[in-house]
């Protein structure tokens, strides 16, 4: 007899049909959007800025993009890398005391980011 936990739900069946590239890309887009909001780049929240939160989100994004890029292929990874770089530069610009080269958010994964 099956227990309720062992019966696949519709959501589980739906996730089984989603390619990994879509899951990784969607997660990356959520991280990018949240980081942009915390950098004060959101049109409807231009005065909001929380650089500590933005740093955490950019670090997570950099780890995801760096780890996932080989499996994603250039076509999918390139726009994610571009978005990450844009956020890293925006963070550097928004910071009252910019991090030393190589110590900005995500730079341990991507290397130093310069304009």
C-alpha atoms as a PDB file:
ATOM      1  CA  UNK A   1       0.000   0.000   0.000  1.00  0.00           C
ATOM      2  CA  UNK A   2       1.334   3.427  -0.950  1.00  0.00           C
ATOM      3  CA  UNK A   3       1.743   6.156   1.592  1.00  0.00           C
ATOM      4  CA  UNK A   4       0.702   9.712   0.684  1.00  0.00           C
ATOM      5  CA  UNK A   5       4.369  10.735   0.584  1.00  0.00           C
ATOM      6  CA  UNK A   6       5.152   8.136  -2.089  1.00  0.00           C
ATOM      7  CA  UNK A   7       2.381   9.165  -4.487  1.00  0.00           C
ATOM      8  CA  UNK A   8       3.770  11.611  -7.066  1.00  0.00           C
ATOM      9  CA  UNK A   9       1.941  14.911  -7.156  1.00  0.00           C
ATOM     10  CA  UNK A  10       1.147  16.791 -10.330  1.00  0.00           C
ATOM     11  CA  UNK A  11       3.892  19.283  -9.439  1.00  0.00           C
ATOM     12  CA  UNK A  12       6.419  16.453  -9.169  1.00  0.00           C
ATOM     13  CA  UNK A  13       5.337  15.072 -12.539  1.00  0.00           C
ATOM     14  CA  UNK A  14       5.582  18.549 -14.056  1.00  0.00           C
ATOM     15  CA  UNK A  15       9.106  19.046 -12.676  1.00  0.00           C
ATOM     16  CA  UNK A  16      10.149  15.723 -14.145  1.00  0.00           C
ATOM     17  CA  UNK A  17       9.389  17.167 -17.583  1.00  0.00           C
ATOM     18  CA  UNK A  18      11.403  20.376 -17.126  1.00  0.00           C
ATOM     19  CA  UNK A  19      14.913  20.306 -18.619  1.00  0.00           C
ATOM     20  CA  UNK A  20      17.713  21.099 -16.172  1.00  0.00           C
ATOM     21  CA  UNK A  21      18.782  24.103 -18.255  1.00  0.00           C
ATOM     22  CA  UNK A  22      15.379  25.682 -17.582  1.00  0.00           C
ATOM     23  CA  UNK A  23      15.564  25.013 -13.843  1.00  0.00           C
ATOM     24  CA  UNK A  24      19.062  26.514 -13.568  1.00  0.00           C
ATOM     25  CA  UNK A  25      18.162  29.487 -15.781  1.00  0.00           C
ATOM     26  CA  UNK A  26      15.002  30.196 -13.795  1.00  0.00           C
ATOM     27  CA  UNK A  27      16.886  30.066 -10.494  1.00  0.00           C
ATOM     28  CA  UNK A  28      19.533  32.399 -11.928  1.00  0.00           C
ATOM     29  CA  UNK A  29      16.893  34.864 -13.102  1.00  0.00           C
ATOM     30  CA  UNK A  30      15.307  34.923  -9.643  1.00  0.00           C
ATOM     31  CA  UNK A  31      18.708  35.631  -8.072  1.00  0.00           C
ATOM     32  CA  UNK A  32      19.414  38.359 -10.656  1.00  0.00           C
ATOM     33  CA  UNK A  33      16.068  40.038 -10.076  1.00  0.00           C
ATOM     34  CA  UNK A  34      16.415  39.998  -6.308  1.00  0.00           C
ATOM     35  CA  UNK A  35      19.980  41.346  -6.499  1.00  0.00           C
ATOM     36  CA  UNK A  36      18.852  44.151  -8.810  1.00  0.00           C
ATOM     37  CA  UNK A  37      16.133  45.144  -6.346  1.00  0.00           C
ATOM     38  CA  UNK A  38      18.638  45.248  -3.484  1.00  0.00           C
ATOM     39  CA  UNK A  39      21.002  47.354  -5.585  1.00  0.00           C
ATOM     40  CA  UNK A  40      18.251  49.946  -6.055  1.00  0.00           C
ATOM     41  CA  UNK A  41      17.809  49.164  -9.751  1.00  0.00           C
ATOM     42  CA  UNK A  42      14.087  48.351  -9.597  1.00  0.00           C
ATOM     43  CA  UNK A  43      11.928  51.046 -11.183  1.00  0.00           C
ATOM     44  CA  UNK A  44       9.209  50.751  -8.551  1.00  0.00           C
ATOM     45  CA  UNK A  45      11.694  50.693  -5.604  1.00  0.00           C
ATOM     46  CA  UNK A  46      14.502  53.034  -6.726  1.00  0.00           C
ATOM     47  CA  UNK A  47      15.276  54.163  -3.164  1.00  0.00           C
ATOM     48  CA  UNK A  48      15.669  50.648  -1.792  1.00  0.00           C
ATOM     49  CA  UNK A  49      19.250  49.593  -1.291  1.00  0.00           C
ATOM     50  CA  UNK A  50      20.627  46.758   0.827  1.00  0.00           C
ATOM     51  CA  UNK A  51      24.159  45.945  -0.252  1.00  0.00           C
ATOM     52  CA  UNK A  52      24.562  43.089   2.245  1.00  0.00           C
ATOM     53  CA  UNK A  53      21.583  41.295   0.717  1.00  0.00           C
ATOM     54  CA  UNK A  54      22.777  42.105  -2.797  1.00  0.00           C
ATOM     55  CA  UNK A  55      26.230  40.673  -2.010  1.00  0.00           C
ATOM     56  CA  UNK A  56      24.732  37.381  -0.832  1.00  0.00           C
ATOM     57  CA  UNK A  57      22.538  37.085  -3.913  1.00  0.00           C
ATOM     58  CA  UNK A  58      25.366  37.939  -6.321  1.00  0.00           C
ATOM     59  CA  UNK A  59      27.652  35.411  -4.607  1.00  0.00           C
ATOM     60  CA  UNK A  60      24.986  32.720  -4.983  1.00  0.00           C
ATOM     61  CA  UNK A  61      24.386  33.686  -8.609  1.00  0.00           C
ATOM     62  CA  UNK A  62      28.104  33.569  -9.400  1.00  0.00           C
ATOM     63  CA  UNK A  63      28.395  30.106  -7.866  1.00  0.00           C
ATOM     64  CA  UNK A  64      25.379  28.832  -9.780  1.00  0.00           C
ATOM     65  CA  UNK A  65      26.461  30.293 -13.109  1.00  0.00           C
ATOM     66  CA  UNK A  66      30.065  29.160 -12.728  1.00  0.00           C
ATOM     67  CA  UNK A  67      29.111  25.622 -11.705  1.00  0.00           C
ATOM     68  CA  UNK A  68      26.305  25.300 -14.245  1.00  0.00           C
ATOM     69  CA  UNK A  69      27.953  26.904 -17.277  1.00  0.00           C
ATOM     70  CA  UNK A  70      29.674  23.775 -18.638  1.00  0.00           C
ATOM     71  CA  UNK A  71      26.404  21.859 -18.707  1.00  0.00           C
ATOM     72  CA  UNK A  72      24.346  24.833 -19.938  1.00  0.00           C
ATOM     73  CA  UNK A  73      26.480  25.494 -22.991  1.00  0.00           C
ATOM     74  CA  UNK A  74      27.491  28.884 -24.353  1.00  0.00           C
ATOM     75  CA  UNK A  75      24.050  29.740 -25.744  1.00  0.00           C
ATOM     76  CA  UNK A  76      22.426  29.621 -22.291  1.00  0.00           C
ATOM     77  CA  UNK A  77      25.399  30.551 -20.118  1.00  0.00           C
ATOM     78  CA  UNK A  78      26.483  33.710 -21.978  1.00  0.00           C
ATOM     79  CA  UNK A  79      23.444  35.847 -21.058  1.00  0.00           C
ATOM     80  CA  UNK A  80      23.661  34.660 -17.455  1.00  0.00           C
ATOM     81  CA  UNK A  81      27.340  35.615 -17.311  1.00  0.00           C
ATOM     82  CA  UNK A  82      26.529  39.018 -18.833  1.00  0.00           C
ATOM     83  CA  UNK A  83      23.796  39.638 -16.272  1.00  0.00           C
ATOM     84  CA  UNK A  84      26.088  38.573 -13.450  1.00  0.00           C
ATOM     85  CA  UNK A  85      28.835  40.906 -14.643  1.00  0.00           C
ATOM     86  CA  UNK A  86      26.364  43.792 -14.890  1.00  0.00           C
ATOM     87  CA  UNK A  87      25.254  43.208 -11.294  1.00  0.00           C
ATOM     88  CA  UNK A  88      28.851  42.949 -10.082  1.00  0.00           C
ATOM     89  CA  UNK A  89      29.677  46.285 -11.719  1.00  0.00           C
ATOM     90  CA  UNK A  90      26.506  47.886 -10.331  1.00  0.00           C
ATOM     91  CA  UNK A  91      27.459  46.654  -6.867  1.00  0.00           C
ATOM     92  CA  UNK A  92      30.936  48.177  -7.180  1.00  0.00           C
ATOM     93  CA  UNK A  93      29.399  51.478  -8.317  1.00  0.00           C
ATOM     94  CA  UNK A  94      26.790  51.499  -5.526  1.00  0.00           C
ATOM     95  CA  UNK A  95      29.258  50.699  -2.761  1.00  0.00           C
ATOM     96  CA  UNK A  96      30.517  53.704  -0.793  1.00  0.00           C
ATOM     97  CA  UNK A  97      33.755  51.768  -0.159  1.00  0.00           C
ATOM     98  CA  UNK A  98      34.378  49.460  -3.144  1.00  0.00           C
ATOM     99  CA  UNK A  99      35.942  46.093  -2.402  1.00  0.00           C
ATOM    100  CA  UNK A 100      39.541  45.488  -3.437  1.00  0.00           C
ATOM    101  CA  UNK A 101      39.944  43.808  -6.822  1.00  0.00           C
ATOM    102  CA  UNK A 102      39.011  40.154  -6.599  1.00  0.00           C
ATOM    103  CA  UNK A 103      37.046  40.560  -3.357  1.00  0.00           C
ATOM    104  CA  UNK A 104      33.758  41.878  -4.723  1.00  0.00           C
ATOM    105  CA  UNK A 105      30.632  39.752  -4.684  1.00  0.00           C
ATOM    106  CA  UNK A 106      31.068  36.617  -6.752  1.00  0.00           C
ATOM    107  CA  UNK A 107      34.626  37.479  -7.765  1.00  0.00           C
ATOM    108  CA  UNK A 108      36.027  34.400  -6.045  1.00  0.00           C
ATOM    109  CA  UNK A 109      34.123  32.462  -8.726  1.00  0.00           C
ATOM    110  CA  UNK A 110      34.490  34.817 -11.700  1.00  0.00           C
ATOM    111  CA  UNK A 111      37.740  36.639 -11.099  1.00  0.00           C
ATOM    112  CA  UNK A 112      38.062  40.411 -10.842  1.00  0.00           C
ATOM    113  CA  UNK A 113      35.368  42.372 -12.657  1.00  0.00           C
ATOM    114  CA  UNK A 114      36.248  45.783 -14.067  1.00  0.00           C
ATOM    115  CA  UNK A 115      34.328  48.251 -16.210  1.00  0.00           C
END
